[in-house]
């Protein structure tokens, strides 16, 4: 390992090359995801809704419930949601 000005050049180069490989893998995966969404759209699914579901499933149930409750509250405050139905 060469040492230029206190920098381990070989180690630095290896780290940079790893990041570059991972960035390329990330691009391939992003392209694969894009293809899956295109397939979903081709089969008549609403891609915007699928993206929302994927996003929701990443969060913990209590986080999702809290967000949904706040969204419902805001929608009601803006008159954008129907009246709250009493459970029988």
PDB file of N, CA and C in Angstrom:
ATOM      1  N   UNK A   1       0.842  -1.168   0.000  1.00  0.00           N
ATOM      2  CA  UNK A   1       0.000   0.000   0.000  1.00  0.00           C
ATOM      3  C   UNK A   1       0.888   1.232   0.000  1.00  0.00           C
ATOM      4  N   UNK A   2       0.645   2.110  -0.958  1.00  0.00           N
ATOM      5  CA  UNK A   2       1.456   3.321  -1.002  1.00  0.00           C
ATOM      6  C   UNK A   2       0.845   4.389  -0.107  1.00  0.00           C
ATOM      7  N   UNK A   3       1.702   5.253   0.373  1.00  0.00           N
ATOM      8  CA  UNK A   3       1.260   6.280   1.313  1.00  0.00           C
ATOM      9  C   UNK A   3       1.672   7.639   0.749  1.00  0.00           C
ATOM     10  N   UNK A   4       0.715   8.311   0.119  1.00  0.00           N
ATOM     11  CA  UNK A   4       0.984   9.629  -0.463  1.00  0.00           C
ATOM     12  C   UNK A   4       0.388  10.693   0.433  1.00  0.00           C
ATOM     13  N   UNK A   5       1.228  11.397   1.135  1.00  0.00           N
ATOM     14  CA  UNK A   5       0.758  12.470   1.989  1.00  0.00           C
ATOM     15  C   UNK A   5      -0.149  11.998   3.102  1.00  0.00           C
ATOM     16  N   UNK A   6       0.093  10.817   3.640  1.00  0.00           N
ATOM     17  CA  UNK A   6      -0.702  10.299   4.745  1.00  0.00           C
ATOM     18  C   UNK A   6      -1.978   9.599   4.299  1.00  0.00           C
ATOM     19  N   UNK A   7      -2.174   9.401   2.989  1.00  0.00           N
ATOM     20  CA  UNK A   7      -3.370   8.735   2.473  1.00  0.00           C
ATOM     21  C   UNK A   7      -2.984   7.366   1.948  1.00  0.00           C
ATOM     22  N   UNK A   8      -3.683   6.363   2.405  1.00  0.00           N
ATOM     23  CA  UNK A   8      -3.451   5.005   1.928  1.00  0.00           C
ATOM     24  C   UNK A   8      -4.128   4.873   0.566  1.00  0.00           C
ATOM     25  N   UNK A   9      -3.374   5.144  -0.490  1.00  0.00           N
ATOM     26  CA  UNK A   9      -3.923   5.248  -1.841  1.00  0.00           C
ATOM     27  C   UNK A   9      -4.604   3.964  -2.299  1.00  0.00           C
ATOM     28  N   UNK A  10      -3.995   2.801  -2.023  1.00  0.00           N
ATOM     29  CA  UNK A  10      -4.584   1.533  -2.462  1.00  0.00           C
ATOM     30  C   UNK A  10      -5.927   1.293  -1.783  1.00  0.00           C
ATOM     31  N   UNK A  11      -5.994   1.583  -0.495  1.00  0.00           N
ATOM     32  CA  UNK A  11      -7.247   1.390   0.238  1.00  0.00           C
ATOM     33  C   UNK A  11      -8.314   2.359  -0.264  1.00  0.00           C
ATOM     34  N   UNK A  12      -7.927   3.612  -0.495  1.00  0.00           N
ATOM     35  CA  UNK A  12      -8.844   4.614  -1.006  1.00  0.00           C
ATOM     36  C   UNK A  12      -9.378   4.208  -2.382  1.00  0.00           C
ATOM     37  N   UNK A  13      -8.479   3.757  -3.252  1.00  0.00           N
ATOM     38  CA  UNK A  13      -8.871   3.332  -4.597  1.00  0.00           C
ATOM     39  C   UNK A  13      -9.851   2.166  -4.514  1.00  0.00           C
ATOM     40  N   UNK A  14      -9.591   1.207  -3.632  1.00  0.00           N
ATOM     41  CA  UNK A  14     -10.473   0.048  -3.470  1.00  0.00           C
ATOM     42  C   UNK A  14     -11.863   0.473  -2.991  1.00  0.00           C
ATOM     43  N   UNK A  15     -11.900   1.403  -2.055  1.00  0.00           N
ATOM     44  CA  UNK A  15     -13.187   1.893  -1.558  1.00  0.00           C
ATOM     45  C   UNK A  15     -13.977   2.588  -2.668  1.00  0.00           C
ATOM     46  N   UNK A  16     -13.301   3.421  -3.433  1.00  0.00           N
ATOM     47  CA  UNK A  16     -13.960   4.135  -4.521  1.00  0.00           C
ATOM     48  C   UNK A  16     -14.477   3.156  -5.568  1.00  0.00           C
ATOM     49  N   UNK A  17     -13.689   2.154  -5.898  1.00  0.00           N
ATOM     50  CA  UNK A  17     -14.115   1.160  -6.882  1.00  0.00           C
ATOM     51  C   UNK A  17     -15.312   0.354  -6.378  1.00  0.00           C
ATOM     52  N   UNK A  18     -15.351   0.056  -5.073  1.00  0.00           N
ATOM     53  CA  UNK A  18     -16.518  -0.635  -4.500  1.00  0.00           C
ATOM     54  C   UNK A  18     -17.769   0.219  -4.637  1.00  0.00           C
ATOM     55  N   UNK A  19     -17.633   1.501  -4.324  1.00  0.00           N
ATOM     56  CA  UNK A  19     -18.784   2.404  -4.445  1.00  0.00           C
ATOM     57  C   UNK A  19     -19.245   2.459  -5.904  1.00  0.00           C
ATOM     58  N   UNK A  20     -18.301   2.535  -6.832  1.00  0.00           N
ATOM     59  CA  UNK A  20     -18.659   2.587  -8.252  1.00  0.00           C
ATOM     60  C   UNK A  20     -19.408   1.319  -8.682  1.00  0.00           C
ATOM     61  N   UNK A  21     -18.954   0.159  -8.225  1.00  0.00           N
ATOM     62  CA  UNK A  21     -19.642  -1.102  -8.555  1.00  0.00           C
ATOM     63  C   UNK A  21     -21.044  -1.119  -7.965  1.00  0.00           C
ATOM     64  N   UNK A  22     -21.174  -0.673  -6.722  1.00  0.00           N
ATOM     65  CA  UNK A  22     -22.487  -0.645  -6.078  1.00  0.00           C
ATOM     66  C   UNK A  22     -23.428   0.336  -6.772  1.00  0.00           C
ATOM     67  N   UNK A  23     -22.901   1.475  -7.203  1.00  0.00           N
ATOM     68  CA  UNK A  23     -23.721   2.440  -7.949  1.00  0.00           C
ATOM     69  C   UNK A  23     -24.240   1.814  -9.241  1.00  0.00           C
ATOM     70  N   UNK A  24     -23.408   1.053  -9.913  1.00  0.00           N
ATOM     71  CA  UNK A  24     -23.835   0.379 -11.143  1.00  0.00           C
ATOM     72  C   UNK A  24     -24.905  -0.671 -10.836  1.00  0.00           C
ATOM     73  N   UNK A  25     -24.717  -1.429  -9.762  1.00  0.00           N
ATOM     74  CA  UNK A  25     -25.725  -2.410  -9.357  1.00  0.00           C
ATOM     75  C   UNK A  25     -27.044  -1.709  -9.022  1.00  0.00           C
ATOM     76  N   UNK A  26     -26.942  -0.562  -8.359  1.00  0.00           N
ATOM     77  CA  UNK A  26     -28.132   0.201  -7.995  1.00  0.00           C
ATOM     78  C   UNK A  26     -28.888   0.637  -9.247  1.00  0.00           C
ATOM     79  N   UNK A  27     -28.146   1.042 -10.277  1.00  0.00           N
ATOM     80  CA  UNK A  27     -28.774   1.458 -11.531  1.00  0.00           C
ATOM     81  C   UNK A  27     -29.497   0.278 -12.176  1.00  0.00           C
ATOM     82  N   UNK A  28     -28.874  -0.895 -12.172  1.00  0.00           N
ATOM     83  CA  UNK A  28     -29.498  -2.083 -12.754  1.00  0.00           C
ATOM     84  C   UNK A  28     -30.782  -2.430 -11.992  1.00  0.00           C
ATOM     85  N   UNK A  29     -30.722  -2.363 -10.672  1.00  0.00           N
ATOM     86  CA  UNK A  29     -31.900  -2.667  -9.858  1.00  0.00           C
ATOM     87  C   UNK A  29     -32.995  -1.637 -10.112  1.00  0.00           C
ATOM     88  N   UNK A  30     -32.640  -0.366 -10.203  1.00  0.00           N
ATOM     89  CA  UNK A  30     -33.629   0.690 -10.486  1.00  0.00           C
ATOM     90  C   UNK A  30     -34.304   0.433 -11.836  1.00  0.00           C
ATOM     91  N   UNK A  31     -33.524   0.003 -12.813  1.00  0.00           N
ATOM     92  CA  UNK A  31     -34.096  -0.326 -14.125  1.00  0.00           C
ATOM     93  C   UNK A  31     -35.043  -1.519 -14.018  1.00  0.00           C
ATOM     94  N   UNK A  32     -34.688  -2.515 -13.208  1.00  0.00           N
ATOM     95  CA  UNK A  32     -35.558  -3.675 -13.001  1.00  0.00           C
ATOM     96  C   UNK A  32     -36.875  -3.264 -12.349  1.00  0.00           C
ATOM     97  N   UNK A  33     -36.793  -2.385 -11.363  1.00  0.00           N
ATOM     98  CA  UNK A  33     -37.999  -1.897 -10.685  1.00  0.00           C
ATOM     99  C   UNK A  33     -38.875  -1.145 -11.678  1.00  0.00           C
ATOM    100  N   UNK A  34     -38.260  -0.317 -12.504  1.00  0.00           N
ATOM    101  CA  UNK A  34     -39.000   0.424 -13.527  1.00  0.00           C
ATOM    102  C   UNK A  34     -39.736  -0.545 -14.450  1.00  0.00           C
ATOM    103  N   UNK A  35     -39.075  -1.639 -14.813  1.00  0.00           N
ATOM    104  CA  UNK A  35     -39.694  -2.649 -15.677  1.00  0.00           C
ATOM    105  C   UNK A  35     -40.896  -3.303 -15.004  1.00  0.00           C
ATOM    106  N   UNK A  36     -40.798  -3.564 -13.711  1.00  0.00           N
ATOM    107  CA  UNK A  36     -41.917  -4.175 -12.979  1.00  0.00           C
ATOM    108  C   UNK A  36     -43.107  -3.220 -12.953  1.00  0.00           C
ATOM    109  N   UNK A  37     -42.852  -1.938 -12.717  1.00  0.00           N
ATOM    110  CA  UNK A  37     -43.944  -0.958 -12.729  1.00  0.00           C
ATOM    111  C   UNK A  37     -44.563  -0.866 -14.127  1.00  0.00           C
ATOM    112  N   UNK A  38     -43.750  -0.929 -15.173  1.00  0.00           N
ATOM    113  CA  UNK A  38     -44.276  -0.905 -16.540  1.00  0.00           C
ATOM    114  C   UNK A  38     -45.139  -2.145 -16.795  1.00  0.00           C
ATOM    115  N   UNK A  39     -44.712  -3.283 -16.282  1.00  0.00           N
ATOM    116  CA  UNK A  39     -45.500  -4.508 -16.417  1.00  0.00           C
ATOM    117  C   UNK A  39     -46.841  -4.364 -15.691  1.00  0.00           C
ATOM    118  N   UNK A  40     -46.795  -3.810 -14.492  1.00  0.00           N
ATOM    119  CA  UNK A  40     -48.024  -3.605 -13.723  1.00  0.00           C
ATOM    120  C   UNK A  40     -48.979  -2.692 -14.497  1.00  0.00           C
ATOM    121  N   UNK A  41     -48.447  -1.611 -15.054  1.00  0.00           N
ATOM    122  CA  UNK A  41     -49.272  -0.686 -15.830  1.00  0.00           C
ATOM    123  C   UNK A  41     -49.851  -1.390 -17.051  1.00  0.00           C
ATOM    124  N   UNK A  42     -49.041  -2.203 -17.699  1.00  0.00           N
ATOM    125  CA  UNK A  42     -49.497  -2.954 -18.864  1.00  0.00           C
ATOM    126  C   UNK A  42     -50.606  -3.938 -18.533  1.00  0.00           C
ATOM    127  N   UNK A  43     -50.656  -4.377 -17.288  1.00  0.00           N
ATOM    128  CA  UNK A  43     -51.697  -5.301 -16.839  1.00  0.00           C
ATOM    129  C   UNK A  43     -52.892  -4.571 -16.236  1.00  0.00           C
ATOM    130  N   UNK A  44     -52.912  -3.232 -16.367  1.00  0.00           N
ATOM    131  CA  UNK A  44     -54.063  -2.460 -15.951  1.00  0.00           C
ATOM    132  C   UNK A  44     -54.043  -1.979 -14.512  1.00  0.00           C
ATOM    133  N   UNK A  45     -52.940  -2.147 -13.814  1.00  0.00           N
ATOM    134  CA  UNK A  45     -52.851  -1.678 -12.432  1.00  0.00           C
ATOM    135  C   UNK A  45     -52.460  -0.204 -12.403  1.00  0.00           C
ATOM    136  N   UNK A  46     -52.883   0.482 -11.364  1.00  0.00           N
ATOM    137  CA  UNK A  46     -52.547   1.888 -11.168  1.00  0.00           C
ATOM    138  C   UNK A  46     -51.186   1.959 -10.475  1.00  0.00           C
ATOM    139  N   UNK A  47     -50.187   2.369 -11.218  1.00  0.00           N
ATOM    140  CA  UNK A  47     -48.809   2.372 -10.726  1.00  0.00           C
ATOM    141  C   UNK A  47     -48.636   3.349  -9.566  1.00  0.00           C
ATOM    142  N   UNK A  48     -49.326   4.467  -9.613  1.00  0.00           N
ATOM    143  CA  UNK A  48     -49.225   5.445  -8.531  1.00  0.00           C
ATOM    144  C   UNK A  48     -49.681   4.821  -7.215  1.00  0.00           C
ATOM    145  N   UNK A  49     -50.757   4.061  -7.265  1.00  0.00           N
ATOM    146  CA  UNK A  49     -51.270   3.403  -6.060  1.00  0.00           C
ATOM    147  C   UNK A  49     -50.308   2.306  -5.605  1.00  0.00           C
ATOM    148  N   UNK A  50     -49.760   1.564  -6.535  1.00  0.00           N
ATOM    149  CA  UNK A  50     -48.801   0.511  -6.172  1.00  0.00           C
ATOM    150  C   UNK A  50     -47.586   1.124  -5.479  1.00  0.00           C
ATOM    151  N   UNK A  51     -47.095   2.240  -5.996  1.00  0.00           N
ATOM    152  CA  UNK A  51     -45.956   2.916  -5.360  1.00  0.00           C
ATOM    153  C   UNK A  51     -46.306   3.340  -3.932  1.00  0.00           C
ATOM    154  N   UNK A  52     -47.528   3.832  -3.744  1.00  0.00           N
ATOM    155  CA  UNK A  52     -47.978   4.238  -2.412  1.00  0.00           C
ATOM    156  C   UNK A  52     -48.019   3.040  -1.476  1.00  0.00           C
ATOM    157  N   UNK A  53     -48.530   1.904  -1.962  1.00  0.00           N
ATOM    158  CA  UNK A  53     -48.590   0.692  -1.142  1.00  0.00           C
ATOM    159  C   UNK A  53     -47.192   0.230  -0.764  1.00  0.00           C
ATOM    160  N   UNK A  54     -46.276   0.237  -1.714  1.00  0.00           N
ATOM    161  CA  UNK A  54     -44.890  -0.169  -1.432  1.00  0.00           C
ATOM    162  C   UNK A  54     -44.301   0.739  -0.358  1.00  0.00           C
ATOM    163  N   UNK A  55     -44.553   2.034  -0.481  1.00  0.00           N
ATOM    164  CA  UNK A  55     -44.063   2.992   0.512  1.00  0.00           C
ATOM    165  C   UNK A  55     -44.671   2.710   1.887  1.00  0.00           C
ATOM    166  N   UNK A  56     -45.974   2.441   1.922  1.00  0.00           N
ATOM    167  CA  UNK A  56     -46.652   2.177   3.188  1.00  0.00           C
ATOM    168  C   UNK A  56     -46.114   0.911   3.855  1.00  0.00           C
ATOM    169  N   UNK A  57     -45.847  -0.116   3.055  1.00  0.00           N
ATOM    170  CA  UNK A  57     -45.394  -1.393   3.613  1.00  0.00           C
ATOM    171  C   UNK A  57     -43.985  -1.310   4.198  1.00  0.00           C
ATOM    172  N   UNK A  58     -43.247  -0.286   3.846  1.00  0.00           N
ATOM    173  CA  UNK A  58     -41.904  -0.097   4.392  1.00  0.00           C
ATOM    174  C   UNK A  58     -41.944   0.387   5.834  1.00  0.00           C
ATOM    175  N   UNK A  59     -43.064   1.029   6.199  1.00  0.00           N
ATOM    176  CA  UNK A  59     -43.171   1.610   7.531  1.00  0.00           C
ATOM    177  C   UNK A  59     -43.796   0.625   8.507  1.00  0.00           C
ATOM    178  N   UNK A  60     -43.550   0.861   9.780  1.00  0.00           N
ATOM    179  CA  UNK A  60     -44.133   0.048  10.839  1.00  0.00           C
ATOM    180  C   UNK A  60     -45.625   0.353  10.918  1.00  0.00           C
ATOM    181  N   UNK A  61     -46.426  -0.640  11.312  1.00  0.00           N
ATOM    182  CA  UNK A  61     -47.879  -0.428  11.366  1.00  0.00           C
ATOM    183  C   UNK A  61     -48.296   0.797  12.181  1.00  0.00           C
ATOM    184  N   UNK A  62     -47.683   1.011  13.339  1.00  0.00           N
ATOM    185  CA  UNK A  62     -48.105   2.161  14.154  1.00  0.00           C
ATOM    186  C   UNK A  62     -47.753   3.490  13.480  1.00  0.00           C
ATOM    187  N   UNK A  63     -46.654   3.536  12.741  1.00  0.00           N
ATOM    188  CA  UNK A  63     -46.295   4.754  12.017  1.00  0.00           C
ATOM    189  C   UNK A  63     -47.302   5.020  10.903  1.00  0.00           C
ATOM    190  N   UNK A  64     -47.684   3.952  10.211  1.00  0.00           N
ATOM    191  CA  UNK A  64     -48.647   4.076   9.126  1.00  0.00           C
ATOM    192  C   UNK A  64     -50.018   4.505   9.662  1.00  0.00           C
ATOM    193  N   UNK A  65     -50.434   3.906  10.777  1.00  0.00           N
ATOM    194  CA  UNK A  65     -51.723   4.260  11.375  1.00  0.00           C
ATOM    195  C   UNK A  65     -51.744   5.723  11.809  1.00  0.00           C
ATOM    196  N   UNK A  66     -50.646   6.173  12.393  1.00  0.00           N
ATOM    197  CA  UNK A  66     -50.558   7.571  12.829  1.00  0.00           C
ATOM    198  C   UNK A  66     -50.656   8.518  11.635  1.00  0.00           C
ATOM    199  N   UNK A  67     -49.944   8.195  10.562  1.00  0.00           N
ATOM    200  CA  UNK A  67     -49.989   9.033   9.368  1.00  0.00           C
ATOM    201  C   UNK A  67     -51.397   9.053   8.780  1.00  0.00           C
ATOM    202  N   UNK A  68     -52.054   7.887   8.730  1.00  0.00           N
ATOM    203  CA  UNK A  68     -53.405   7.818   8.182  1.00  0.00           C
ATOM    204  C   UNK A  68     -54.388   8.623   9.034  1.00  0.00           C
ATOM    205  N   UNK A  69     -54.227   8.582  10.351  1.00  0.00           N
ATOM    206  CA  UNK A  69     -55.104   9.336  11.242  1.00  0.00           C
ATOM    207  C   UNK A  69     -54.930  10.838  11.032  1.00  0.00           C
ATOM    208  N   UNK A  70     -53.690  11.281  10.895  1.00  0.00           N
ATOM    209  CA  UNK A  70     -53.423  12.707  10.674  1.00  0.00           C
ATOM    210  C   UNK A  70     -53.961  13.127   9.307  1.00  0.00           C
ATOM    211  N   UNK A  71     -53.753  12.287   8.293  1.00  0.00           N
ATOM    212  CA  UNK A  71     -54.274  12.586   6.959  1.00  0.00           C
ATOM    213  C   UNK A  71     -55.797  12.719   7.008  1.00  0.00           C
ATOM    214  N   UNK A  72     -56.463  11.787   7.681  1.00  0.00           N
ATOM    215  CA  UNK A  72     -57.915  11.830   7.806  1.00  0.00           C
ATOM    216  C   UNK A  72     -58.359  13.114   8.520  1.00  0.00           C
ATOM    217  N   UNK A  73     -57.670  13.468   9.582  1.00  0.00           N
ATOM    218  CA  UNK A  73     -57.981  14.691  10.325  1.00  0.00           C
ATOM    219  C   UNK A  73     -57.860  15.913   9.424  1.00  0.00           C
ATOM    220  N   UNK A  74     -56.773  15.998   8.675  1.00  0.00           N
ATOM    221  CA  UNK A  74     -56.553  17.135   7.785  1.00  0.00           C
ATOM    222  C   UNK A  74     -57.611  17.182   6.682  1.00  0.00           C
ATOM    223  N   UNK A  75     -57.945  16.030   6.103  1.00  0.00           N
ATOM    224  CA  UNK A  75     -58.953  15.992   5.048  1.00  0.00           C
ATOM    225  C   UNK A  75     -60.304  16.478   5.564  1.00  0.00           C
ATOM    226  N   UNK A  76     -60.657  16.033   6.771  1.00  0.00           N
ATOM    227  CA  UNK A  76     -61.903  16.493   7.367  1.00  0.00           C
ATOM    228  C   UNK A  76     -61.860  17.998   7.632  1.00  0.00           C
ATOM    229  N   UNK A  77     -60.759  18.499   8.119  1.00  0.00           N
ATOM    230  CA  UNK A  77     -60.623  19.931   8.405  1.00  0.00           C
ATOM    231  C   UNK A  77     -60.775  20.763   7.134  1.00  0.00           C
ATOM    232  N   UNK A  78     -60.359  20.209   6.005  1.00  0.00           N
ATOM    233  CA  UNK A  78     -60.446  20.923   4.728  1.00  0.00           C
ATOM    234  C   UNK A  78     -61.745  20.635   3.983  1.00  0.00           C
ATOM    235  N   UNK A  79     -62.614  19.807   4.598  1.00  0.00           N
ATOM    236  CA  UNK A  79     -63.876  19.463   3.951  1.00  0.00           C
ATOM    237  C   UNK A  79     -63.711  18.539   2.763  1.00  0.00           C
ATOM    238  N   UNK A  80     -62.629  17.790   2.737  1.00  0.00           N
ATOM    239  CA  UNK A  80     -62.335  16.915   1.609  1.00  0.00           C
ATOM    240  C   UNK A  80     -62.708  15.458   1.874  1.00  0.00           C
ATOM    241  N   UNK A  81     -63.255  15.159   3.043  1.00  0.00           N
ATOM    242  CA  UNK A  81     -63.610  13.788   3.381  1.00  0.00           C
ATOM    243  C   UNK A  81     -65.073  13.772   3.798  1.00  0.00           C
ATOM    244  N   UNK A  82     -65.717  12.636   3.611  1.00  0.00           N
ATOM    245  CA  UNK A  82     -67.108  12.493   3.999  1.00  0.00           C
ATOM    246  C   UNK A  82     -67.237  12.523   5.504  1.00  0.00           C
ATOM    247  N   UNK A  83     -68.470  12.587   5.989  1.00  0.00           N
ATOM    248  CA  UNK A  83     -68.673  12.604   7.442  1.00  0.00           C
ATOM    249  C   UNK A  83     -68.236  11.290   8.064  1.00  0.00           C
ATOM    250  N   UNK A  84     -67.801  11.375   9.297  1.00  0.00           N
ATOM    251  CA  UNK A  84     -67.373  10.186  10.027  1.00  0.00           C
ATOM    252  C   UNK A  84     -68.609   9.356  10.322  1.00  0.00           C
ATOM    253  N   UNK A  85     -68.575   8.085   9.993  1.00  0.00           N
ATOM    254  CA  UNK A  85     -69.711   7.191  10.209  1.00  0.00           C
ATOM    255  C   UNK A  85     -69.584   6.556  11.585  1.00  0.00           C
ATOM    256  N   UNK A  86     -70.662   6.583  12.359  1.00  0.00           N
ATOM    257  CA  UNK A  86     -70.674   5.910  13.660  1.00  0.00           C
ATOM    258  C   UNK A  86     -70.782   4.419  13.443  1.00  0.00           C
ATOM    259  N   UNK A  87     -69.996   3.666  14.221  1.00  0.00           N
ATOM    260  CA  UNK A  87     -70.060   2.213  14.102  1.00  0.00           C
ATOM    261  C   UNK A  87     -71.292   1.724  14.844  1.00  0.00           C
ATOM    262  N   UNK A  88     -72.009   0.789  14.251  1.00  0.00           N
ATOM    263  CA  UNK A  88     -73.229   0.258  14.866  1.00  0.00           C
ATOM    264  C   UNK A  88     -72.902  -0.825  15.850  1.00  0.00           C
TER     265      UNK A  88
END
